[in-house]
Amino acid sequence: MKTAASEKYRPYPAIRLTDRTWPDRAITRPPAWCSVDLRDGNQALIDPMDTPRKLRLWNTLVGMGFKQIEVGFPAASQTDYDFIRFLIDGGHIPDDVTIQILTQSREDLIRRSFEALDGAKRVIVHLYNSTSEVQRRVVFGFDRQGCIDLALAGTRLVRELSAQRAGGEVTFQYSPESFTGTEPDFAVQIVEAVAEAWGAAKGREMIVNLPATVEMSTPNLYADTVEWFCRTVKNRANLIISVHPHNDRGTGVAAAELAVMAGADRVEGTLFGNGERTGNVDVCTLALNLFTQGVDPGLDLSDIDSIRAAAEECTGLAIHPRHPYAGELVYTAFSGSHQDAINKGFKAREKANSPVWEVPYLPIDPADVGRTYEAVIRINSQSGKGGVAYVLERDYGLELPKAMQSEFSKVVQAVADREGRELSPAEIYAAFQATYLDGGAIQVVDYSTVPVSSKGTRALTAQLVVDGAERIIQGVGAGPVDAFVHALQKDLGLFITVRDYHEHAIGEGSESQAACYVAIDGKAGVVHGAAIDASVTMAALKAVVGAINRRG
């Protein structure tokens, strides 16, 4: 029998915050960011990072503008201890960057941690003990007071060792670990006791980290708890409220955003959400979410591909192709309707010459994160005429008329269906060439025109190859194309009506060419022809012949 959810699981006990204010707030400035990639992220890896990989990730984080970076758990790992000493002794820590270390509330671990930090200028010592009701009862056998006593003993030792530091006192951070599993009133009680023991005051603020060590509720309930905590805890002005959301329910980003709206000042997370179980909160997504709302996130994400490459190499974990902002395919449209809308959005923006970003289906300009537009529209069997036209214009300078876009998109779709995969721009152009530019029963070899009246009438002589035989035809008309149509009718018996004609230049200067597109009546409707030539007139004549060849 299946387990009944109602018998095995209980709903999260929500704070009854009827006068909540966070839903009416907007985030207008970024929180303080702390990267925990090198500690929390590292401990979640199948193969933890060695020093060279840690250093590369460290340099990436510093280059992005992180001012607080958690670098390890030195008392629990010799590798972490050695890396911290490597950073300090090697002079790798910029003056404006603060390193953070984690320690449990145990005397031997705290003393070992301070040894690792000797010589560091700017330090956060992050002390934690689990306050979760289940862990107090099941794991530690503590009552509330026993839990408080453990936290206070660690806090007093950190304060003592901090006062003895030659390089100046540390910044102190305390986490009631597994905050989401802790009764809110007890979380306030233990934090107030720790803040008093530390001597939190103006200029000596204590960081209070409220970790969703396990994400146990919807983001709104987490935000309610954070707002209630901020309202209830004594001397809130002496505390920096930090959050450390995990992603067990898949809503870590939303939880972090709502927590900031609810009063949090600081966010701890990892670059792309790497962390234990389903991961930590994704700082890159959070920061770029702010960016798309017109808020400077305070982190440099202008080269997202380099950041992604560093993270993948250092962690050994691949970034999903649909990962927000950083994934390979997140700026790519295969759907025909999406492609058409994006193409029109680009053209409208160019025409308006406005700095405001308004392109359908693209919440951010790919160029702002270092992406080119080459991958925005890609073609497979789901693609439509707008996408095909966009690729030909972007990569080959061909501006197909709308009616011709519809005709050629069917050709491309047939190729994609046959191949069963995405088509490259080169393959799309090859299909265009095979359809419109290559061969046929009639070919134009040369031509000449002379004026025959002051009203623009011209006589045209054209040299053709028809079914392998050379032919000379002559005609008169209002222009070269009109005269050519007359010559085809008079000398070859080919009766055609030109329904549409477009031309444009490809490239600039002496290397430029002309592209011409012609639509003529066919047996089952309009048939299109196209041609490219250095001469506009030659391109026009070839386009007419191309349409005739396709008409049959």
Protein backbone atom coordinates (compact mmCIF):
# COMPACT_ATOMS: atom_id res chain seq x y z
CA MET A 1 0.00 0.00 0.00
CA LYS A 2 1.10 3.54 -0.69
CA THR A 3 1.97 5.72 2.28
CA ALA A 4 -0.70 8.33 2.95
CA ALA A 5 1.00 11.73 3.04
CA SER A 6 -1.44 12.97 5.69
CA GLU A 7 -0.44 10.13 8.01
CA LYS A 8 3.34 10.48 7.64
CA TYR A 9 4.01 14.21 7.16
CA ARG A 10 2.92 17.31 8.99
CA PRO A 11 2.50 20.80 7.48
CA TYR A 12 5.08 23.38 8.47
CA PRO A 13 3.99 25.31 11.58
CA ALA A 14 3.48 28.81 10.23
CA ILE A 15 3.94 32.09 12.08
CA ARG A 16 0.56 33.85 12.23
CA LEU A 17 1.83 37.21 10.98
CA THR A 18 -1.40 38.95 10.02
CA ASP A 19 0.21 42.39 9.68
CA ARG A 20 3.17 41.34 7.54
CA THR A 21 4.75 44.20 5.57
CA TRP A 22 7.23 42.40 3.29
CA PRO A 23 4.76 41.87 0.37
CA ASP A 24 4.59 45.64 -0.12
CA ARG A 25 8.35 46.12 -0.22
CA ALA A 26 10.59 46.21 -3.29
CA ILE A 27 14.30 45.41 -3.34
CA THR A 28 15.99 48.64 -4.38
CA ARG A 29 19.56 47.82 -3.39
CA PRO A 30 21.49 44.57 -3.17
CA PRO A 31 22.11 42.71 0.07
CA ALA A 32 25.63 42.15 1.28
CA TRP A 33 26.83 39.02 -0.52
CA CYS A 34 28.87 36.25 1.03
CA SER A 35 30.09 33.42 -1.19
CA VAL A 36 30.22 30.04 0.53
CA ASP A 37 31.46 28.17 -2.55
CA LEU A 38 34.81 27.31 -0.99
CA ARG A 39 33.31 25.85 2.19
CA ASP A 40 29.65 24.86 1.95
CA GLY A 41 29.85 24.27 -1.78
CA ASN A 42 33.13 22.39 -1.49
CA GLN A 43 31.92 20.00 1.20
CA ALA A 44 29.05 18.95 -1.10
CA LEU A 45 31.35 17.81 -3.93
CA ILE A 46 32.02 14.18 -4.75
CA ASP A 47 35.69 15.12 -5.10
CA PRO A 48 36.45 18.20 -2.96
CA MET A 49 38.69 20.84 -4.50
CA ASP A 50 42.45 20.85 -4.08
CA THR A 51 44.40 24.07 -3.58
CA PRO A 52 44.92 24.93 -7.29
CA ARG A 53 41.19 24.60 -8.00
CA LYS A 54 40.29 26.49 -4.84
CA LEU A 55 42.66 29.29 -5.82
CA ARG A 56 41.10 29.57 -9.27
CA LEU A 57 37.63 29.79 -7.77
CA TRP A 58 38.90 32.27 -5.15
CA ASN A 59 40.29 34.51 -7.90
CA THR A 60 37.00 34.27 -9.80
CA LEU A 61 35.02 35.31 -6.71
CA VAL A 62 37.36 38.22 -5.97
CA GLY A 63 37.21 39.30 -9.61
CA MET A 64 33.41 39.34 -9.48
CA GLY A 65 33.49 41.73 -6.55
CA PHE A 66 32.64 39.53 -3.55
CA LYS A 67 33.79 41.30 -0.38
CA GLN A 68 32.99 38.42 1.98
CA ILE A 69 34.09 34.88 1.11
CA GLU A 70 33.84 31.85 3.35
CA VAL A 71 37.07 29.95 2.85
CA GLY A 72 36.75 26.83 4.93
CA PHE A 73 36.23 24.91 8.15
CA PRO A 74 39.88 24.87 9.27
CA ALA A 75 39.37 22.91 12.48
CA ALA A 76 37.57 20.10 10.68
CA SER A 77 39.80 19.77 7.61
CA GLN A 78 43.55 19.97 7.23
CA THR A 79 43.03 20.80 3.55
CA ASP A 80 40.90 23.80 4.54
CA TYR A 81 43.46 24.83 7.19
CA ASP A 82 46.30 24.67 4.67
CA PHE A 83 44.36 26.64 2.06
CA ILE A 84 43.61 29.43 4.53
CA ARG A 85 47.28 29.61 5.44
CA PHE A 86 48.12 29.63 1.71
CA LEU A 87 45.86 32.64 1.16
CA ILE A 88 47.21 34.56 4.15
CA ASP A 89 50.90 33.73 3.80
CA GLY A 90 50.83 34.17 0.02
CA GLY A 91 49.24 37.62 0.17
CA HIS A 92 46.25 36.56 -1.95
CA ILE A 93 43.63 38.44 0.09
CA PRO A 94 42.91 42.02 -1.11
CA ASP A 95 42.65 44.63 1.64
CA ASP A 96 38.92 45.13 1.03
CA VAL A 97 38.00 41.42 1.15
CA THR A 98 37.00 39.69 4.38
CA ILE A 99 37.52 35.96 4.76
CA GLN A 100 35.03 33.93 6.77
CA ILE A 101 35.60 30.62 8.53
CA LEU A 102 33.13 28.25 10.15
CA THR A 103 33.44 26.51 13.50
CA GLN A 104 31.23 24.56 15.83
CA SER A 105 30.87 25.72 19.40
CA ARG A 106 33.65 23.55 20.79
CA GLU A 107 36.76 24.86 22.52
CA ASP A 108 39.33 22.78 20.62
CA LEU A 109 37.76 23.70 17.25
CA ILE A 110 37.56 27.40 18.07
CA ARG A 111 41.21 27.56 19.18
CA ARG A 112 42.36 25.69 16.06
CA SER A 113 40.34 28.10 13.91
CA PHE A 114 42.06 31.13 15.41
CA GLU A 115 45.43 29.52 14.73
CA ALA A 116 44.48 29.24 11.07
CA LEU A 117 43.56 32.93 10.98
CA ASP A 118 46.81 34.28 12.41
CA GLY A 119 47.96 37.23 10.31
CA ALA A 120 44.66 37.77 8.49
CA LYS A 121 43.49 41.40 8.49
CA ARG A 122 39.74 41.11 7.99
CA VAL A 123 38.00 38.06 9.41
CA ILE A 124 34.50 36.80 10.17
CA VAL A 125 34.38 33.93 12.65
CA HIS A 126 31.15 32.06 12.07
CA LEU A 127 30.07 30.07 15.13
CA TYR A 128 27.13 27.71 15.00
CA ASN A 129 25.29 25.08 16.95
CA SER A 130 22.13 23.28 15.98
CA THR A 131 19.01 24.69 17.60
CA SER A 132 16.48 22.51 15.74
CA GLU A 133 13.85 20.96 18.01
CA VAL A 134 14.28 17.56 16.37
CA GLN A 135 18.07 17.65 16.60
CA ARG A 136 18.01 18.81 20.24
CA ARG A 137 15.71 15.90 21.05
CA VAL A 138 17.00 13.15 18.75
CA VAL A 139 20.69 13.92 18.14
CA PHE A 140 22.05 15.84 21.14
CA GLY A 141 19.67 15.14 24.00
CA PHE A 142 19.67 18.84 24.94
CA ASP A 143 16.92 20.93 26.40
CA ARG A 144 16.73 24.59 25.45
CA GLN A 145 19.02 25.74 28.24
CA GLY A 146 21.66 23.18 27.36
CA CYS A 147 21.64 24.48 23.81
CA ILE A 148 21.99 28.08 25.01
CA ASP A 149 24.84 27.15 27.34
CA LEU A 150 26.75 25.56 24.45
CA ALA A 151 26.33 28.66 22.29
CA LEU A 152 27.38 30.99 25.10
CA ALA A 153 30.52 29.00 25.91
CA GLY A 154 31.65 29.24 22.32
CA THR A 155 30.78 32.92 22.07
CA ARG A 156 32.75 33.82 25.20
CA LEU A 157 35.81 31.95 23.92
CA VAL A 158 35.60 33.66 20.51
CA ARG A 159 35.38 37.03 22.29
CA GLU A 160 38.41 36.20 24.45
CA LEU A 161 40.56 35.04 21.53
CA SER A 162 39.39 37.93 19.36
CA ALA A 163 40.54 40.45 21.95
CA GLN A 164 44.01 38.84 21.93
CA ARG A 165 44.47 39.02 18.16
CA ALA A 166 47.43 41.11 17.05
CA GLY A 167 45.63 42.03 13.84
CA GLY A 168 42.53 43.39 15.56
CA GLU A 169 39.22 41.89 16.54
CA VAL A 170 37.18 39.65 14.33
CA THR A 171 33.62 40.19 13.17
CA PHE A 172 31.45 37.65 14.93
CA GLN A 173 28.69 35.68 13.23
CA TYR A 174 26.31 33.32 14.96
CA SER A 175 23.95 30.80 13.36
CA PRO A 176 21.12 29.06 15.14
CA GLU A 177 21.72 26.19 12.73
CA SER A 178 18.66 24.53 11.22
CA PHE A 179 16.78 27.76 11.91
CA THR A 180 13.82 26.53 9.86
CA GLY A 181 13.43 23.61 12.27
CA THR A 182 13.77 25.82 15.35
CA GLU A 183 10.86 27.27 17.28
CA PRO A 184 10.91 31.01 16.42
CA ASP A 185 10.66 32.12 20.04
CA PHE A 186 13.66 29.95 20.94
CA ALA A 187 15.66 31.30 17.99
CA VAL A 188 15.10 34.81 19.35
CA GLN A 189 15.97 33.71 22.88
CA ILE A 190 19.30 32.12 21.98
CA VAL A 191 20.32 34.93 19.60
CA GLU A 192 19.63 37.56 22.28
CA ALA A 193 21.75 35.62 24.76
CA VAL A 194 24.61 35.26 22.29
CA ALA A 195 24.44 38.95 21.28
CA GLU A 196 24.69 39.99 24.93
CA ALA A 197 27.65 37.66 25.53
CA TRP A 198 29.42 39.03 22.45
CA GLY A 199 28.71 42.62 23.42
CA ALA A 200 26.88 43.52 20.22
CA ALA A 201 26.60 47.28 19.92
CA LYS A 202 26.81 50.07 17.40
CA GLY A 203 30.19 49.70 15.69
CA ARG A 204 30.39 46.16 17.03
CA GLU A 205 27.48 44.64 15.16
CA MET A 206 27.01 40.89 15.23
CA ILE A 207 25.97 38.97 12.13
CA VAL A 208 22.99 36.74 12.85
CA ASN A 209 22.62 34.09 10.19
CA LEU A 210 19.18 32.48 9.85
CA PRO A 211 19.87 29.43 7.70
CA ALA A 212 17.22 27.44 5.91
CA THR A 213 19.59 24.53 6.44
CA VAL A 214 16.73 22.43 5.13
CA GLU A 215 14.08 24.24 3.10
CA MET A 216 10.90 23.16 4.86
CA SER A 217 8.18 25.58 3.78
CA THR A 218 6.97 27.83 1.04
CA PRO A 219 9.05 31.00 0.63
CA ASN A 220 6.33 33.23 2.05
CA LEU A 221 6.41 31.37 5.37
CA TYR A 222 10.20 31.76 5.53
CA ALA A 223 9.75 35.48 4.88
CA ASP A 224 7.11 35.71 7.61
CA THR A 225 9.50 34.09 10.07
CA VAL A 226 12.35 36.42 9.10
CA GLU A 227 10.12 39.50 9.45
CA TRP A 228 8.81 38.28 12.80
CA PHE A 229 12.36 37.63 13.99
CA CYS A 230 13.53 41.09 12.93
CA ARG A 231 10.61 42.73 14.74
CA THR A 232 10.93 40.66 17.91
CA VAL A 233 14.65 40.34 18.64
CA LYS A 234 16.08 42.93 21.02
CA ASN A 235 18.45 45.62 19.78
CA ARG A 236 17.84 44.84 16.11
CA ALA A 237 20.03 47.82 15.13
CA ASN A 238 23.08 46.01 16.58
CA LEU A 239 22.51 42.97 14.38
CA ILE A 240 23.19 42.25 10.71
CA ILE A 241 20.52 39.76 9.67
CA SER A 242 21.83 37.21 7.19
CA VAL A 243 20.06 34.36 5.43
CA HIS A 244 21.49 31.13 4.09
CA PRO A 245 18.74 29.40 2.09
CA HIS A 246 19.02 25.89 0.74
CA ASN A 247 16.96 24.59 -2.15
CA ASP A 248 15.30 21.38 -0.93
CA ARG A 249 11.88 22.48 -2.23
CA GLY A 250 13.33 24.10 -5.36
CA THR A 251 12.42 27.60 -4.19
CA GLY A 252 15.69 28.77 -2.63
CA VAL A 253 15.96 31.84 -4.88
CA ALA A 254 12.41 32.95 -4.10
CA ALA A 255 13.00 32.36 -0.39
CA ALA A 256 16.10 34.54 -0.44
CA GLU A 257 14.38 37.35 -2.34
CA LEU A 258 11.38 37.36 -0.01
CA ALA A 259 13.67 37.18 3.03
CA VAL A 260 15.47 40.32 1.86
CA MET A 261 12.09 42.00 1.44
CA ALA A 262 11.31 40.85 4.98
CA GLY A 263 14.35 42.58 6.44
CA ALA A 264 17.46 40.48 5.80
CA ASP A 265 20.61 42.54 5.16
CA ARG A 266 22.88 39.81 3.82
CA VAL A 267 22.72 36.62 1.73
CA GLU A 268 25.06 33.63 1.80
CA GLY A 269 25.06 31.39 -1.26
CA THR A 270 27.06 29.82 -4.06
CA LEU A 271 27.64 30.85 -7.66
CA PHE A 272 25.22 28.50 -9.39
CA GLY A 273 23.55 26.88 -6.40
CA ASN A 274 26.03 24.07 -5.74
CA GLY A 275 25.55 22.70 -2.25
CA GLU A 276 24.41 19.73 -0.25
CA ARG A 277 21.33 17.80 -1.42
CA THR A 278 19.55 20.07 -3.92
CA GLY A 279 22.01 22.87 -3.27
CA ASN A 280 22.43 26.32 -1.79
CA VAL A 281 20.78 29.44 -3.06
CA ASP A 282 22.11 30.57 -6.45
CA VAL A 283 23.80 33.96 -6.04
CA CYS A 284 24.26 34.51 -9.79
CA THR A 285 20.53 34.13 -10.37
CA LEU A 286 19.72 36.39 -7.42
CA ALA A 287 22.12 39.08 -8.61
CA LEU A 288 20.90 39.03 -12.21
CA ASN A 289 17.29 39.05 -11.06
CA LEU A 290 18.12 42.39 -9.43
CA PHE A 291 19.91 43.57 -12.56
CA THR A 292 16.83 42.95 -14.72
CA GLN A 293 14.84 45.17 -12.34
CA GLY A 294 17.24 48.07 -12.78
CA VAL A 295 19.15 47.45 -9.52
CA ASP A 296 22.96 47.26 -9.61
CA PRO A 297 23.70 43.95 -7.84
CA GLY A 298 27.22 44.97 -6.86
CA LEU A 299 28.70 41.90 -8.55
CA ASP A 300 30.30 41.78 -11.99
CA LEU A 301 28.51 39.17 -14.13
CA SER A 302 29.38 40.72 -17.48
CA ASP A 303 31.22 37.57 -18.59
CA ILE A 304 28.91 34.79 -17.41
CA ASP A 305 30.58 32.17 -19.62
CA SER A 306 33.99 32.66 -17.97
CA ILE A 307 32.39 32.44 -14.52
CA ARG A 308 30.53 29.31 -15.54
CA ALA A 309 33.71 27.74 -16.98
CA ALA A 310 35.61 28.41 -13.75
CA ALA A 311 32.82 26.95 -11.62
CA GLU A 312 32.53 23.85 -13.81
CA GLU A 313 36.27 23.23 -13.85
CA CYS A 314 36.71 23.78 -10.12
CA THR A 315 33.68 21.82 -8.91
CA GLY A 316 33.56 19.16 -11.61
CA LEU A 317 29.82 19.85 -11.95
CA ALA A 318 28.26 20.83 -15.26
CA ILE A 319 25.87 23.78 -15.40
CA HIS A 320 22.52 22.69 -16.81
CA PRO A 321 21.84 24.10 -20.32
CA ARG A 322 18.57 25.60 -19.00
CA HIS A 323 20.14 27.12 -15.87
CA PRO A 324 18.88 30.71 -15.42
CA TYR A 325 21.06 33.30 -17.16
CA ALA A 326 24.13 31.03 -17.45
CA GLY A 327 22.85 27.96 -19.29
CA GLU A 328 23.91 27.34 -22.87
CA LEU A 329 20.35 27.47 -24.19
CA VAL A 330 18.68 30.11 -22.03
CA TYR A 331 18.85 32.85 -24.68
CA THR A 332 17.94 30.48 -27.51
CA ALA A 333 14.54 30.19 -29.20
CA PHE A 334 13.61 27.23 -31.40
CA SER A 335 9.87 27.91 -31.50
CA GLY A 336 8.72 29.72 -34.63
CA SER A 337 6.40 32.17 -32.84
CA HIS A 338 9.08 33.00 -30.27
CA GLN A 339 11.66 33.54 -33.01
CA ASP A 340 9.36 35.85 -34.92
CA ALA A 341 8.65 37.93 -31.82
CA ILE A 342 12.35 38.17 -30.90
CA ASN A 343 13.28 39.17 -34.44
CA LYS A 344 10.63 41.91 -34.45
CA GLY A 345 11.74 43.04 -31.01
CA PHE A 346 15.33 43.51 -32.19
CA LYS A 347 14.18 45.48 -35.23
CA ALA A 348 11.82 47.67 -33.18
CA ARG A 349 14.57 48.44 -30.67
CA GLU A 350 16.98 49.35 -33.45
CA LYS A 351 14.37 51.60 -35.05
CA ALA A 352 13.46 53.31 -31.76
CA ASN A 353 17.15 53.77 -30.85
CA SER A 354 16.20 53.46 -27.17
CA PRO A 355 18.43 52.18 -24.36
CA VAL A 356 15.43 50.48 -22.72
CA TRP A 357 15.44 46.72 -23.17
CA GLU A 358 12.12 45.49 -24.56
CA VAL A 359 12.56 42.29 -26.55
CA PRO A 360 9.93 39.55 -26.22
CA TYR A 361 11.03 36.33 -24.52
CA LEU A 362 14.39 37.78 -23.48
CA PRO A 363 14.20 39.22 -19.93
CA ILE A 364 17.84 40.35 -20.16
CA ASP A 365 20.04 41.53 -23.01
CA PRO A 366 22.43 38.60 -23.63
CA ALA A 367 25.18 41.15 -24.33
CA ASP A 368 24.99 42.29 -20.68
CA VAL A 369 26.36 38.93 -19.57
CA GLY A 370 28.87 38.63 -22.40
CA ARG A 371 26.77 36.53 -24.75
CA THR A 372 26.52 37.27 -28.47
CA TYR A 373 23.28 37.22 -30.42
CA GLU A 374 24.45 34.32 -32.58
CA ALA A 375 22.77 31.73 -30.38
CA VAL A 376 19.54 33.64 -29.74
CA ILE A 377 17.68 32.00 -32.63
CA ARG A 378 18.54 28.47 -33.67
CA ILE A 379 16.72 26.35 -36.19
CA ASN A 380 15.14 22.92 -35.90
CA SER A 381 11.88 21.35 -37.04
CA GLN A 382 9.90 23.54 -34.60
CA SER A 383 11.22 26.77 -36.07
CA GLY A 384 9.24 29.18 -38.21
CA LYS A 385 9.81 31.71 -40.93
CA GLY A 386 10.90 34.47 -38.54
CA GLY A 387 13.74 32.39 -37.13
CA VAL A 388 15.00 31.27 -40.53
CA ALA A 389 14.89 34.84 -41.83
CA TYR A 390 16.71 36.10 -38.73
CA VAL A 391 19.58 33.62 -39.17
CA LEU A 392 20.00 34.45 -42.88
CA GLU A 393 20.03 38.17 -42.17
CA ARG A 394 22.31 37.94 -39.13
CA ASP A 395 24.90 35.61 -40.65
CA TYR A 396 24.63 36.26 -44.40
CA GLY A 397 23.05 39.70 -44.76
CA LEU A 398 20.01 38.36 -46.66
CA GLU A 399 16.78 40.24 -46.03
CA LEU A 400 14.09 37.94 -47.40
CA PRO A 401 10.68 39.47 -48.22
CA LYS A 402 7.88 38.20 -45.95
CA ALA A 403 6.21 36.03 -48.57
CA MET A 404 9.54 34.43 -49.45
CA GLN A 405 10.28 33.81 -45.74
CA SER A 406 7.17 31.65 -45.53
CA GLU A 407 8.12 29.72 -48.67
CA PHE A 408 11.72 29.07 -47.65
CA SER A 409 10.87 28.15 -44.05
CA LYS A 410 8.99 25.13 -45.39
CA VAL A 411 12.16 24.06 -47.21
CA VAL A 412 14.20 24.38 -44.00
CA GLN A 413 11.59 22.57 -41.94
CA ALA A 414 11.63 19.66 -44.38
CA VAL A 415 15.42 19.41 -44.06
CA ALA A 416 15.23 19.58 -40.25
CA ASP A 417 12.53 16.91 -40.16
CA ARG A 418 14.61 14.68 -42.41
CA GLU A 419 17.77 15.17 -40.35
CA GLY A 420 15.97 14.99 -37.01
CA ARG A 421 18.20 17.62 -35.41
CA GLU A 422 19.07 21.32 -35.17
CA LEU A 423 20.44 22.90 -38.36
CA SER A 424 23.49 25.14 -38.36
CA PRO A 425 23.46 28.55 -40.10
CA ALA A 426 25.73 27.06 -42.79
CA GLU A 427 23.23 24.29 -43.46
CA ILE A 428 20.39 26.81 -43.69
CA TYR A 429 22.36 28.89 -46.19
CA ALA A 430 23.21 25.74 -48.17
CA ALA A 431 19.48 25.00 -48.40
CA PHE A 432 18.86 28.58 -49.59
CA GLN A 433 21.59 28.25 -52.20
CA ALA A 434 20.29 24.91 -53.45
CA THR A 435 16.74 26.24 -53.61
CA TYR A 436 17.30 29.63 -55.22
CA LEU A 437 20.85 30.13 -56.46
CA ASP A 438 22.07 26.91 -58.05
CA GLY A 439 21.63 25.85 -61.67
CA GLY A 440 18.46 25.43 -63.69
CA ALA A 441 17.42 25.06 -67.32
CA ILE A 442 18.00 28.75 -68.02
CA GLN A 443 21.08 30.73 -67.00
CA VAL A 444 22.00 34.39 -67.57
CA VAL A 445 25.54 34.80 -68.96
CA ASP A 446 25.71 38.52 -69.78
CA TYR A 447 23.59 41.51 -70.72
CA SER A 448 23.79 45.06 -72.04
CA THR A 449 21.29 47.92 -72.04
CA VAL A 450 20.98 51.21 -73.90
CA PRO A 451 18.44 54.03 -73.48
CA VAL A 452 15.94 54.41 -76.31
CA SER A 453 13.97 57.44 -75.07
CA SER A 454 14.24 60.33 -72.69
CA LYS A 455 11.44 58.82 -70.58
CA GLY A 456 13.66 56.00 -69.28
CA THR A 457 12.77 53.29 -71.76
CA ARG A 458 15.68 50.93 -72.30
CA ALA A 459 16.55 48.26 -74.81
CA LEU A 460 18.17 45.15 -73.36
CA THR A 461 20.19 42.40 -74.99
CA ALA A 462 20.83 39.30 -72.86
CA GLN A 463 23.03 36.28 -73.48
CA LEU A 464 21.48 33.13 -72.00
CA VAL A 465 22.13 29.42 -71.90
CA VAL A 466 18.86 27.54 -72.39
CA ASP A 467 18.98 23.75 -71.94
CA GLY A 468 22.69 23.86 -72.74
CA ALA A 469 22.36 26.00 -75.88
CA GLU A 470 23.38 29.65 -76.13
CA ARG A 471 20.57 32.11 -76.94
CA ILE A 472 20.50 35.87 -77.47
CA ILE A 473 17.28 37.66 -76.61
CA GLN A 474 16.28 41.31 -76.93
CA GLY A 475 13.51 43.42 -75.49
CA VAL A 476 12.40 46.94 -74.62
CA GLY A 477 10.81 48.16 -71.42
CA ALA A 478 10.55 50.78 -68.71
CA GLY A 479 13.72 49.43 -67.11
CA PRO A 480 16.11 46.48 -67.32
CA VAL A 481 13.73 44.00 -65.62
CA ASP A 482 10.75 45.10 -67.69
CA ALA A 483 12.83 44.88 -70.89
CA PHE A 484 14.08 41.40 -69.87
CA VAL A 485 10.51 40.17 -69.28
CA HIS A 486 9.56 41.49 -72.76
CA ALA A 487 12.57 39.70 -74.34
CA LEU A 488 11.72 36.40 -72.64
CA GLN A 489 8.18 36.60 -73.97
CA LYS A 490 9.14 37.70 -77.50
CA ASP A 491 12.09 35.40 -78.12
CA LEU A 492 11.49 32.40 -75.85
CA GLY A 493 7.71 32.39 -75.53
CA LEU A 494 7.90 32.63 -71.73
CA PHE A 495 4.99 34.67 -70.39
CA ILE A 496 5.54 35.91 -66.83
CA THR A 497 4.10 38.57 -64.55
CA VAL A 498 6.38 40.01 -61.86
CA ARG A 499 4.30 40.33 -58.68
CA ASP A 500 6.96 41.55 -56.29
CA TYR A 501 10.55 42.78 -56.41
CA HIS A 502 13.03 43.62 -53.63
CA GLU A 503 16.70 44.46 -53.64
CA HIS A 504 19.30 45.41 -51.03
CA ALA A 505 23.06 45.63 -50.61
CA ILE A 506 25.11 43.03 -48.75
CA GLY A 507 28.22 44.52 -47.18
CA GLU A 508 29.81 47.90 -47.86
CA GLY A 509 32.37 49.45 -50.13
CA SER A 510 34.07 47.75 -53.05
CA GLU A 511 33.28 44.28 -51.67
CA SER A 512 29.53 44.86 -51.48
CA GLN A 513 27.08 42.77 -53.50
CA ALA A 514 23.44 43.11 -54.44
CA ALA A 515 20.72 40.66 -53.43
CA CYS A 516 17.51 40.64 -55.46
CA TYR A 517 14.26 38.79 -54.84
CA VAL A 518 11.49 38.33 -57.42
CA ALA A 519 8.00 36.84 -57.18
CA ILE A 520 6.22 35.69 -60.36
CA ASP A 521 2.99 33.85 -61.11
CA GLY A 522 3.32 30.07 -61.12
CA LYS A 523 1.02 27.16 -61.84
CA ALA A 524 -0.03 26.78 -58.20
CA GLY A 525 0.55 30.30 -56.96
CA VAL A 526 3.40 32.75 -56.55
CA VAL A 527 6.93 31.41 -57.11
CA HIS A 528 10.05 33.16 -55.81
CA GLY A 529 13.49 33.60 -57.23
CA ALA A 530 16.62 35.11 -55.70
CA ALA A 531 20.12 35.99 -56.82
CA ILE A 532 23.31 37.62 -55.55
CA ASP A 533 25.74 39.47 -57.79
CA ALA A 534 28.13 42.39 -57.77
CA SER A 535 25.81 44.07 -60.30
CA VAL A 536 22.29 45.00 -59.17
CA THR A 537 20.94 44.52 -62.72
CA MET A 538 22.60 41.13 -63.17
CA ALA A 539 21.25 40.02 -59.78
CA ALA A 540 17.76 41.14 -60.83
CA LEU A 541 17.89 39.25 -64.14
CA LYS A 542 19.23 36.11 -62.42
CA ALA A 543 16.43 36.33 -59.82
CA VAL A 544 13.80 36.43 -62.60
CA VAL A 545 15.38 33.40 -64.30
CA GLY A 546 15.64 31.63 -60.96
CA ALA A 547 11.89 32.04 -60.41
CA ILE A 548 11.20 30.73 -63.94
CA ASN A 549 13.41 27.69 -63.35
CA ARG A 550 11.53 26.94 -60.11
CA ARG A 551 8.17 27.41 -61.82
CA GLY A 552 9.06 24.75 -64.39
